[in-house]
Amino acid sequence: MDDFDKYLKEQMKNPTFKKEWDKSEMEYQLMMMVLKARSEQKLTQSELAQRTGIRQSNISRIEKGQAMPSIATLCKIAHGLGKKLEIKFV
């Protein structure tokens, strides 16, 4: 468990924090999935932008959690990473 996970576990004991976290968890997961997949392929944001037709600034905003991408945008990113988008209800 890294430092962030430890911090998050501790903060989850606070009901107000947990409520806010639950509201924004999807955005965080999307942000981290895009960032991780791009980093694993050692691509810059500019290179991913060229592959997807999405502006580098928009990729940056997605990775910073400042923008919630549409499903169409996520499909472009997945395709640019050589992956496919899969959405599930769990």
PDB file of N, CA and C in Angstrom:
ATOM      1  N   MET A   1       0.844  -1.171   0.000  1.00  0.00           N
ATOM      2  CA  MET A   1       0.000   0.000   0.000  1.00  0.00           C
ATOM      3  C   MET A   1       0.898   1.245   0.000  1.00  0.00           C
ATOM      4  N   ASP A   2       0.659   2.141  -0.978  1.00  0.00           N
ATOM      5  CA  ASP A   2       1.495   3.339  -1.028  1.00  0.00           C
ATOM      6  C   ASP A   2       0.942   4.425  -0.100  1.00  0.00           C
ATOM      7  N   ASP A   3       1.667   5.532  -0.020  1.00  0.00           N
ATOM      8  CA  ASP A   3       1.295   6.608   0.903  1.00  0.00           C
ATOM      9  C   ASP A   3      -0.098   7.155   0.620  1.00  0.00           C
ATOM     10  N   PHE A   4      -0.437   7.288  -0.669  1.00  0.00           N
ATOM     11  CA  PHE A   4      -1.757   7.807  -1.008  1.00  0.00           C
ATOM     12  C   PHE A   4      -2.851   6.870  -0.515  1.00  0.00           C
ATOM     13  N   ASP A   5      -2.665   5.578  -0.721  1.00  0.00           N
ATOM     14  CA  ASP A   5      -3.665   4.608  -0.265  1.00  0.00           C
ATOM     15  C   ASP A   5      -3.838   4.669   1.252  1.00  0.00           C
ATOM     16  N   LYS A   6      -2.746   4.811   1.966  1.00  0.00           N
ATOM     17  CA  LYS A   6      -2.815   4.928   3.426  1.00  0.00           C
ATOM     18  C   LYS A   6      -3.578   6.199   3.821  1.00  0.00           C
ATOM     19  N   TYR A   7      -3.237   7.290   3.157  1.00  0.00           N
ATOM     20  CA  TYR A   7      -3.906   8.555   3.432  1.00  0.00           C
ATOM     21  C   TYR A   7      -5.397   8.442   3.141  1.00  0.00           C
ATOM     22  N   LEU A   8      -5.727   7.868   1.993  1.00  0.00           N
ATOM     23  CA  LEU A   8      -7.125   7.727   1.600  1.00  0.00           C
ATOM     24  C   LEU A   8      -7.895   6.864   2.592  1.00  0.00           C
ATOM     25  N   LYS A   9      -7.305   5.770   3.017  1.00  0.00           N
ATOM     26  CA  LYS A   9      -7.955   4.890   3.984  1.00  0.00           C
ATOM     27  C   LYS A   9      -8.269   5.647   5.271  1.00  0.00           C
ATOM     28  N   GLU A  10      -7.343   6.456   5.715  1.00  0.00           N
ATOM     29  CA  GLU A  10      -7.547   7.241   6.932  1.00  0.00           C
ATOM     30  C   GLU A  10      -8.650   8.287   6.731  1.00  0.00           C
ATOM     31  N   GLN A  11      -8.615   8.952   5.592  1.00  0.00           N
ATOM     32  CA  GLN A  11      -9.600   9.997   5.321  1.00  0.00           C
ATOM     33  C   GLN A  11     -11.015   9.448   5.168  1.00  0.00           C
ATOM     34  N   MET A  12     -11.132   8.215   4.710  1.00  0.00           N
ATOM     35  CA  MET A  12     -12.443   7.594   4.509  1.00  0.00           C
ATOM     36  C   MET A  12     -13.211   7.423   5.821  1.00  0.00           C
ATOM     37  N   LYS A  13     -12.522   7.546   6.938  1.00  0.00           N
ATOM     38  CA  LYS A  13     -13.184   7.468   8.237  1.00  0.00           C
ATOM     39  C   LYS A  13     -14.032   8.718   8.500  1.00  0.00           C
ATOM     40  N   ASN A  14     -13.739   9.777   7.783  1.00  0.00           N
ATOM     41  CA  ASN A  14     -14.479  11.024   7.917  1.00  0.00           C
ATOM     42  C   ASN A  14     -15.692  10.962   6.971  1.00  0.00           C
ATOM     43  N   PRO A  15     -16.923  10.971   7.509  1.00  0.00           N
ATOM     44  CA  PRO A  15     -18.122  10.826   6.663  1.00  0.00           C
ATOM     45  C   PRO A  15     -18.258  11.907   5.588  1.00  0.00           C
ATOM     46  N   THR A  16     -17.854  13.121   5.893  1.00  0.00           N
ATOM     47  CA  THR A  16     -17.939  14.202   4.912  1.00  0.00           C
ATOM     48  C   THR A  16     -16.974  13.947   3.760  1.00  0.00           C
ATOM     49  N   PHE A  17     -15.748  13.550   4.092  1.00  0.00           N
ATOM     50  CA  PHE A  17     -14.762  13.235   3.061  1.00  0.00           C
ATOM     51  C   PHE A  17     -15.249  12.075   2.203  1.00  0.00           C
ATOM     52  N   LYS A  18     -15.745  11.023   2.848  1.00  0.00           N
ATOM     53  CA  LYS A  18     -16.204   9.832   2.124  1.00  0.00           C
ATOM     54  C   LYS A  18     -17.321  10.178   1.150  1.00  0.00           C
ATOM     55  N   LYS A  19     -18.249  11.009   1.575  1.00  0.00           N
ATOM     56  CA  LYS A  19     -19.347  11.410   0.703  1.00  0.00           C
ATOM     57  C   LYS A  19     -18.820  12.138  -0.539  1.00  0.00           C
ATOM     58  N   GLU A  20     -17.904  13.070  -0.351  1.00  0.00           N
ATOM     59  CA  GLU A  20     -17.319  13.804  -1.472  1.00  0.00           C
ATOM     60  C   GLU A  20     -16.481  12.885  -2.359  1.00  0.00           C
ATOM     61  N   TRP A  21     -15.732  11.975  -1.743  1.00  0.00           N
ATOM     62  CA  TRP A  21     -14.923  11.033  -2.519  1.00  0.00           C
ATOM     63  C   TRP A  21     -15.814  10.163  -3.395  1.00  0.00           C
ATOM     64  N   ASP A  22     -16.889   9.653  -2.816  1.00  0.00           N
ATOM     65  CA  ASP A  22     -17.799   8.794  -3.567  1.00  0.00           C
ATOM     66  C   ASP A  22     -18.376   9.514  -4.778  1.00  0.00           C
ATOM     67  N   LYS A  23     -18.622  10.831  -4.644  1.00  0.00           N
ATOM     68  CA  LYS A  23     -19.154  11.609  -5.762  1.00  0.00           C
ATOM     69  C   LYS A  23     -18.130  11.774  -6.890  1.00  0.00           C
ATOM     70  N   SER A  24     -16.861  11.808  -6.534  1.00  0.00           N
ATOM     71  CA  SER A  24     -15.837  12.085  -7.550  1.00  0.00           C
ATOM     72  C   SER A  24     -14.969  10.875  -7.896  1.00  0.00           C
ATOM     73  N   GLU A  25     -15.282   9.719  -7.354  1.00  0.00           N
ATOM     74  CA  GLU A  25     -14.440   8.547  -7.578  1.00  0.00           C
ATOM     75  C   GLU A  25     -14.335   8.162  -9.055  1.00  0.00           C
ATOM     76  N   MET A  26     -15.432   8.244  -9.801  1.00  0.00           N
ATOM     77  CA  MET A  26     -15.405   7.875 -11.220  1.00  0.00           C
ATOM     78  C   MET A  26     -14.438   8.763 -11.990  1.00  0.00           C
ATOM     79  N   GLU A  27     -14.476  10.059 -11.713  1.00  0.00           N
ATOM     80  CA  GLU A  27     -13.561  10.976 -12.389  1.00  0.00           C
ATOM     81  C   GLU A  27     -12.110  10.614 -12.069  1.00  0.00           C
ATOM     82  N   TYR A  28     -11.850  10.305 -10.815  1.00  0.00           N
ATOM     83  CA  TYR A  28     -10.494   9.923 -10.413  1.00  0.00           C
ATOM     84  C   TYR A  28     -10.055   8.652 -11.135  1.00  0.00           C
ATOM     85  N   GLN A  29     -10.930   7.662 -11.195  1.00  0.00           N
ATOM     86  CA  GLN A  29     -10.580   6.405 -11.858  1.00  0.00           C
ATOM     87  C   GLN A  29     -10.296   6.623 -13.341  1.00  0.00           C
ATOM     88  N   LEU A  30     -11.119   7.424 -14.005  1.00  0.00           N
ATOM     89  CA  LEU A  30     -10.884   7.713 -15.424  1.00  0.00           C
ATOM     90  C   LEU A  30      -9.549   8.426 -15.622  1.00  0.00           C
ATOM     91  N   MET A  31      -9.303   9.413 -14.785  1.00  0.00           N
ATOM     92  CA  MET A  31      -8.058  10.169 -14.859  1.00  0.00           C
ATOM     93  C   MET A  31      -6.859   9.233 -14.734  1.00  0.00           C
ATOM     94  N   MET A  32      -6.901   8.359 -13.738  1.00  0.00           N
ATOM     95  CA  MET A  32      -5.779   7.465 -13.488  1.00  0.00           C
ATOM     96  C   MET A  32      -5.627   6.411 -14.589  1.00  0.00           C
ATOM     97  N   MET A  33      -6.733   5.927 -15.144  1.00  0.00           N
ATOM     98  CA  MET A  33      -6.643   4.933 -16.223  1.00  0.00           C
ATOM     99  C   MET A  33      -5.966   5.517 -17.454  1.00  0.00           C
ATOM    100  N   VAL A  34      -6.350   6.734 -17.823  1.00  0.00           N
ATOM    101  CA  VAL A  34      -5.747   7.371 -18.996  1.00  0.00           C
ATOM    102  C   VAL A  34      -4.267   7.636 -18.737  1.00  0.00           C
ATOM    103  N   LEU A  35      -3.962   8.207 -17.602  1.00  0.00           N
ATOM    104  CA  LEU A  35      -2.572   8.528 -17.260  1.00  0.00           C
ATOM    105  C   LEU A  35      -1.710   7.270 -17.212  1.00  0.00           C
ATOM    106  N   LYS A  36      -2.212   6.230 -16.573  1.00  0.00           N
ATOM    107  CA  LYS A  36      -1.447   4.985 -16.443  1.00  0.00           C
ATOM    108  C   LYS A  36      -1.219   4.326 -17.806  1.00  0.00           C
ATOM    109  N   ALA A  37      -2.264   4.237 -18.604  1.00  0.00           N
ATOM    110  CA  ALA A  37      -2.134   3.586 -19.912  1.00  0.00           C
ATOM    111  C   ALA A  37      -1.152   4.347 -20.805  1.00  0.00           C
ATOM    112  N   ARG A  38      -1.220   5.677 -20.769  1.00  0.00           N
ATOM    113  CA  ARG A  38      -0.287   6.478 -21.581  1.00  0.00           C
ATOM    114  C   ARG A  38       1.143   6.314 -21.082  1.00  0.00           C
ATOM    115  N   SER A  39       1.317   6.339 -19.777  1.00  0.00           N
ATOM    116  CA  SER A  39       2.654   6.208 -19.186  1.00  0.00           C
ATOM    117  C   SER A  39       3.259   4.836 -19.456  1.00  0.00           C
ATOM    118  N   GLU A  40       2.441   3.796 -19.368  1.00  0.00           N
ATOM    119  CA  GLU A  40       2.939   2.437 -19.625  1.00  0.00           C
ATOM    120  C   GLU A  40       3.490   2.309 -21.037  1.00  0.00           C
ATOM    121  N   GLN A  41       2.912   3.047 -21.969  1.00  0.00           N
ATOM    122  CA  GLN A  41       3.387   2.999 -23.359  1.00  0.00           C
ATOM    123  C   GLN A  41       4.463   4.046 -23.634  1.00  0.00           C
ATOM    124  N   LYS A  42       4.850   4.772 -22.568  1.00  0.00           N
ATOM    125  CA  LYS A  42       5.892   5.793 -22.671  1.00  0.00           C
ATOM    126  C   LYS A  42       5.571   6.828 -23.751  1.00  0.00           C
ATOM    127  N   LEU A  43       4.297   7.203 -23.802  1.00  0.00           N
ATOM    128  CA  LEU A  43       3.855   8.220 -24.745  1.00  0.00           C
ATOM    129  C   LEU A  43       3.752   9.563 -24.032  1.00  0.00           C
ATOM    130  N   THR A  44       4.073  10.613 -24.752  1.00  0.00           N
ATOM    131  CA  THR A  44       3.814  11.948 -24.227  1.00  0.00           C
ATOM    132  C   THR A  44       2.351  12.284 -24.516  1.00  0.00           C
ATOM    133  N   GLN A  45       1.867  13.320 -23.873  1.00  0.00           N
ATOM    134  CA  GLN A  45       0.507  13.767 -24.171  1.00  0.00           C
ATOM    135  C   GLN A  45       0.406  14.206 -25.627  1.00  0.00           C
ATOM    136  N   SER A  46       1.450  14.814 -26.133  1.00  0.00           N
ATOM    137  CA  SER A  46       1.456  15.257 -27.538  1.00  0.00           C
ATOM    138  C   SER A  46       1.369  14.074 -28.488  1.00  0.00           C
ATOM    139  N   GLU A  47       2.080  13.007 -28.186  1.00  0.00           N
ATOM    140  CA  GLU A  47       2.031  11.819 -29.043  1.00  0.00           C
ATOM    141  C   GLU A  47       0.637  11.192 -29.017  1.00  0.00           C
ATOM    142  N   LEU A  48       0.033  11.132 -27.831  1.00  0.00           N
ATOM    143  CA  LEU A  48      -1.325  10.597 -27.748  1.00  0.00           C
ATOM    144  C   LEU A  48      -2.297  11.509 -28.488  1.00  0.00           C
ATOM    145  N   ALA A  49      -2.081  12.800 -28.400  1.00  0.00           N
ATOM    146  CA  ALA A  49      -2.929  13.748 -29.122  1.00  0.00           C
ATOM    147  C   ALA A  49      -2.854  13.501 -30.628  1.00  0.00           C
ATOM    148  N   GLN A  50      -1.662  13.265 -31.141  1.00  0.00           N
ATOM    149  CA  GLN A  50      -1.502  12.992 -32.567  1.00  0.00           C
ATOM    150  C   GLN A  50      -2.222  11.700 -32.967  1.00  0.00           C
ATOM    151  N   ARG A  51      -2.158  10.701 -32.117  1.00  0.00           N
ATOM    152  CA  ARG A  51      -2.809   9.420 -32.414  1.00  0.00           C
ATOM    153  C   ARG A  51      -4.329   9.503 -32.368  1.00  0.00           C
ATOM    154  N   THR A  52      -4.852  10.413 -31.552  1.00  0.00           N
ATOM    155  CA  THR A  52      -6.288  10.445 -31.299  1.00  0.00           C
ATOM    156  C   THR A  52      -7.027  11.582 -31.992  1.00  0.00           C
ATOM    157  N   GLY A  53      -6.307  12.639 -32.360  1.00  0.00           N
ATOM    158  CA  GLY A  53      -6.968  13.817 -32.904  1.00  0.00           C
ATOM    159  C   GLY A  53      -7.553  14.705 -31.805  1.00  0.00           C
ATOM    160  N   ILE A  54      -7.221  14.398 -30.551  1.00  0.00           N
ATOM    161  CA  ILE A  54      -7.656  15.196 -29.411  1.00  0.00           C
ATOM    162  C   ILE A  54      -6.527  16.158 -29.075  1.00  0.00           C
ATOM    163  N   ARG A  55      -6.848  17.395 -28.808  1.00  0.00           N
ATOM    164  CA  ARG A  55      -5.807  18.366 -28.471  1.00  0.00           C
ATOM    165  C   ARG A  55      -5.054  17.938 -27.213  1.00  0.00           C
ATOM    166  N   GLN A  56      -3.757  18.198 -27.200  1.00  0.00           N
ATOM    167  CA  GLN A  56      -2.911  17.870 -26.049  1.00  0.00           C
ATOM    168  C   GLN A  56      -3.440  18.532 -24.787  1.00  0.00           C
ATOM    169  N   SER A  57      -3.918  19.750 -24.912  1.00  0.00           N
ATOM    170  CA  SER A  57      -4.436  20.459 -23.739  1.00  0.00           C
ATOM    171  C   SER A  57      -5.655  19.746 -23.147  1.00  0.00           C
ATOM    172  N   ASN A  58      -6.460  19.136 -23.999  1.00  0.00           N
ATOM    173  CA  ASN A  58      -7.619  18.383 -23.498  1.00  0.00           C
ATOM    174  C   ASN A  58      -7.192  17.098 -22.808  1.00  0.00           C
ATOM    175  N   ILE A  59      -6.179  16.440 -23.337  1.00  0.00           N
ATOM    176  CA  ILE A  59      -5.651  15.239 -22.679  1.00  0.00           C
ATOM    177  C   ILE A  59      -5.090  15.623 -21.313  1.00  0.00           C
ATOM    178  N   SER A  60      -4.391  16.730 -21.247  1.00  0.00           N
ATOM    179  CA  SER A  60      -3.856  17.209 -19.983  1.00  0.00           C
ATOM    180  C   SER A  60      -4.977  17.458 -18.978  1.00  0.00           C
ATOM    181  N   ARG A  61      -6.047  18.114 -19.404  1.00  0.00           N
ATOM    182  CA  ARG A  61      -7.172  18.394 -18.506  1.00  0.00           C
ATOM    183  C   ARG A  61      -7.821  17.106 -18.011  1.00  0.00           C
ATOM    184  N   ILE A  62      -7.939  16.107 -18.870  1.00  0.00           N
ATOM    185  CA  ILE A  62      -8.506  14.815 -18.462  1.00  0.00           C
ATOM    186  C   ILE A  62      -7.616  14.179 -17.408  1.00  0.00           C
ATOM    187  N   GLU A  63      -6.301  14.171 -17.649  1.00  0.00           N
ATOM    188  CA  GLU A  63      -5.361  13.539 -16.719  1.00  0.00           C
ATOM    189  C   GLU A  63      -5.265  14.284 -15.387  1.00  0.00           C
ATOM    190  N   LYS A  64      -5.585  15.563 -15.377  1.00  0.00           N
ATOM    191  CA  LYS A  64      -5.563  16.335 -14.135  1.00  0.00           C
ATOM    192  C   LYS A  64      -6.902  16.276 -13.403  1.00  0.00           C
ATOM    193  N   GLY A  65      -7.895  15.644 -14.030  1.00  0.00           N
ATOM    194  CA  GLY A  65      -9.213  15.577 -13.421  1.00  0.00           C
ATOM    195  C   GLY A  65      -9.988  16.873 -13.564  1.00  0.00           C
ATOM    196  N   GLN A  66      -9.614  17.698 -14.523  1.00  0.00           N
ATOM    197  CA  GLN A  66     -10.275  18.988 -14.736  1.00  0.00           C
ATOM    198  C   GLN A  66     -11.345  18.909 -15.814  1.00  0.00           C
ATOM    199  N   ALA A  67     -11.470  17.738 -16.447  1.00  0.00           N
ATOM    200  CA  ALA A  67     -12.475  17.550 -17.498  1.00  0.00           C
ATOM    201  C   ALA A  67     -12.988  16.126 -17.438  1.00  0.00           C
ATOM    202  N   MET A  68     -14.275  15.986 -17.669  1.00  0.00           N
ATOM    203  CA  MET A  68     -14.891  14.662 -17.728  1.00  0.00           C
ATOM    204  C   MET A  68     -15.118  14.334 -19.200  1.00  0.00           C
ATOM    205  N   PRO A  69     -14.341  13.389 -19.737  1.00  0.00           N
ATOM    206  CA  PRO A  69     -14.453  13.082 -21.163  1.00  0.00           C
ATOM    207  C   PRO A  69     -15.756  12.362 -21.493  1.00  0.00           C
ATOM    208  N   SER A  70     -16.226  12.593 -22.704  1.00  0.00           N
ATOM    209  CA  SER A  70     -17.405  11.877 -23.200  1.00  0.00           C
ATOM    210  C   SER A  70     -16.996  10.443 -23.541  1.00  0.00           C
ATOM    211  N   ILE A  71     -17.973   9.608 -23.757  1.00  0.00           N
ATOM    212  CA  ILE A  71     -17.687   8.227 -24.165  1.00  0.00           C
ATOM    213  C   ILE A  71     -16.968   8.225 -25.511  1.00  0.00           C
ATOM    214  N   ALA A  72     -17.365   9.113 -26.409  1.00  0.00           N
ATOM    215  CA  ALA A  72     -16.700   9.207 -27.719  1.00  0.00           C
ATOM    216  C   ALA A  72     -15.224   9.557 -27.555  1.00  0.00           C
ATOM    217  N   THR A  73     -14.921  10.488 -26.651  1.00  0.00           N
ATOM    218  CA  THR A  73     -13.527  10.867 -26.399  1.00  0.00           C
ATOM    219  C   THR A  73     -12.756   9.709 -25.790  1.00  0.00           C
ATOM    220  N   LEU A  74     -13.368   9.006 -24.849  1.00  0.00           N
ATOM    221  CA  LEU A  74     -12.710   7.848 -24.245  1.00  0.00           C
ATOM    222  C   LEU A  74     -12.436   6.768 -25.293  1.00  0.00           C
ATOM    223  N   CYS A  75     -13.347   6.592 -26.239  1.00  0.00           N
ATOM    224  CA  CYS A  75     -13.125   5.621 -27.325  1.00  0.00           C
ATOM    225  C   CYS A  75     -11.920   6.025 -28.175  1.00  0.00           C
ATOM    226  N   LYS A  76     -11.801   7.315 -28.481  1.00  0.00           N
ATOM    227  CA  LYS A  76     -10.652   7.796 -29.253  1.00  0.00           C
ATOM    228  C   LYS A  76      -9.349   7.546 -28.491  1.00  0.00           C
ATOM    229  N   ILE A  77      -9.364   7.825 -27.196  1.00  0.00           N
ATOM    230  CA  ILE A  77      -8.163   7.611 -26.382  1.00  0.00           C
ATOM    231  C   ILE A  77      -7.819   6.137 -26.343  1.00  0.00           C
ATOM    232  N   ALA A  78      -8.810   5.295 -26.110  1.00  0.00           N
ATOM    233  CA  ALA A  78      -8.560   3.853 -26.076  1.00  0.00           C
ATOM    234  C   ALA A  78      -7.966   3.389 -27.398  1.00  0.00           C
ATOM    235  N   HIS A  79      -8.553   3.822 -28.506  1.00  0.00           N
ATOM    236  CA  HIS A  79      -8.052   3.429 -29.829  1.00  0.00           C
ATOM    237  C   HIS A  79      -6.612   3.923 -30.036  1.00  0.00           C
ATOM    238  N   GLY A  80      -6.331   5.144 -29.616  1.00  0.00           N
ATOM    239  CA  GLY A  80      -4.989   5.703 -29.739  1.00  0.00           C
ATOM    240  C   GLY A  80      -3.961   4.943 -28.916  1.00  0.00           C
ATOM    241  N   LEU A  81      -4.438   4.272 -27.874  1.00  0.00           N
ATOM    242  CA  LEU A  81      -3.563   3.463 -27.020  1.00  0.00           C
ATOM    243  C   LEU A  81      -3.542   1.994 -27.444  1.00  0.00           C
ATOM    244  N   GLY A  82      -4.237   1.676 -28.545  1.00  0.00           N
ATOM    245  CA  GLY A  82      -4.290   0.290 -29.011  1.00  0.00           C
ATOM    246  C   GLY A  82      -5.167  -0.582 -28.123  1.00  0.00           C
ATOM    247  N   LYS A  83      -6.138   0.046 -27.489  1.00  0.00           N
ATOM    248  CA  LYS A  83      -7.033  -0.674 -26.576  1.00  0.00           C
ATOM    249  C   LYS A  83      -8.465  -0.459 -27.023  1.00  0.00           C
ATOM    250  N   LYS A  84      -9.397  -1.127 -26.353  1.00  0.00           N
ATOM    251  CA  LYS A  84     -10.809  -0.849 -26.607  1.00  0.00           C
ATOM    252  C   LYS A  84     -11.453  -0.451 -25.293  1.00  0.00           C
ATOM    253  N   LEU A  85     -12.474   0.350 -25.393  1.00  0.00           N
ATOM    254  CA  LEU A  85     -13.185   0.833 -24.213  1.00  0.00           C
ATOM    255  C   LEU A  85     -14.237  -0.197 -23.831  1.00  0.00           C
ATOM    256  N   GLU A  86     -14.268  -0.521 -22.550  1.00  0.00           N
ATOM    257  CA  GLU A  86     -15.279  -1.446 -22.025  1.00  0.00           C
ATOM    258  C   GLU A  86     -15.911  -0.793 -20.813  1.00  0.00           C
ATOM    259  N   ILE A  87     -17.230  -0.705 -20.810  1.00  0.00           N
ATOM    260  CA  ILE A  87     -17.955  -0.083 -19.710  1.00  0.00           C
ATOM    261  C   ILE A  87     -18.849  -1.154 -19.078  1.00  0.00           C
ATOM    262  N   LYS A  88     -18.821  -1.228 -17.750  1.00  0.00           N
ATOM    263  CA  LYS A  88     -19.595  -2.252 -17.051  1.00  0.00           C
ATOM    264  C   LYS A  88     -20.339  -1.645 -15.882  1.00  0.00           C
ATOM    265  N   PHE A  89     -21.476  -2.222 -15.577  1.00  0.00           N
ATOM    266  CA  PHE A  89     -22.149  -1.963 -14.304  1.00  0.00           C
ATOM    267  C   PHE A  89     -21.744  -3.072 -13.369  1.00  0.00           C
ATOM    268  N   VAL A  90     -21.234  -2.734 -12.194  1.00  0.00           N
ATOM    269  CA  VAL A  90     -20.822  -3.754 -11.232  1.00  0.00           C
ATOM    270  C   VAL A  90     -21.484  -3.523  -9.889  1.00  0.00           C
TER     271      VAL A  90
END
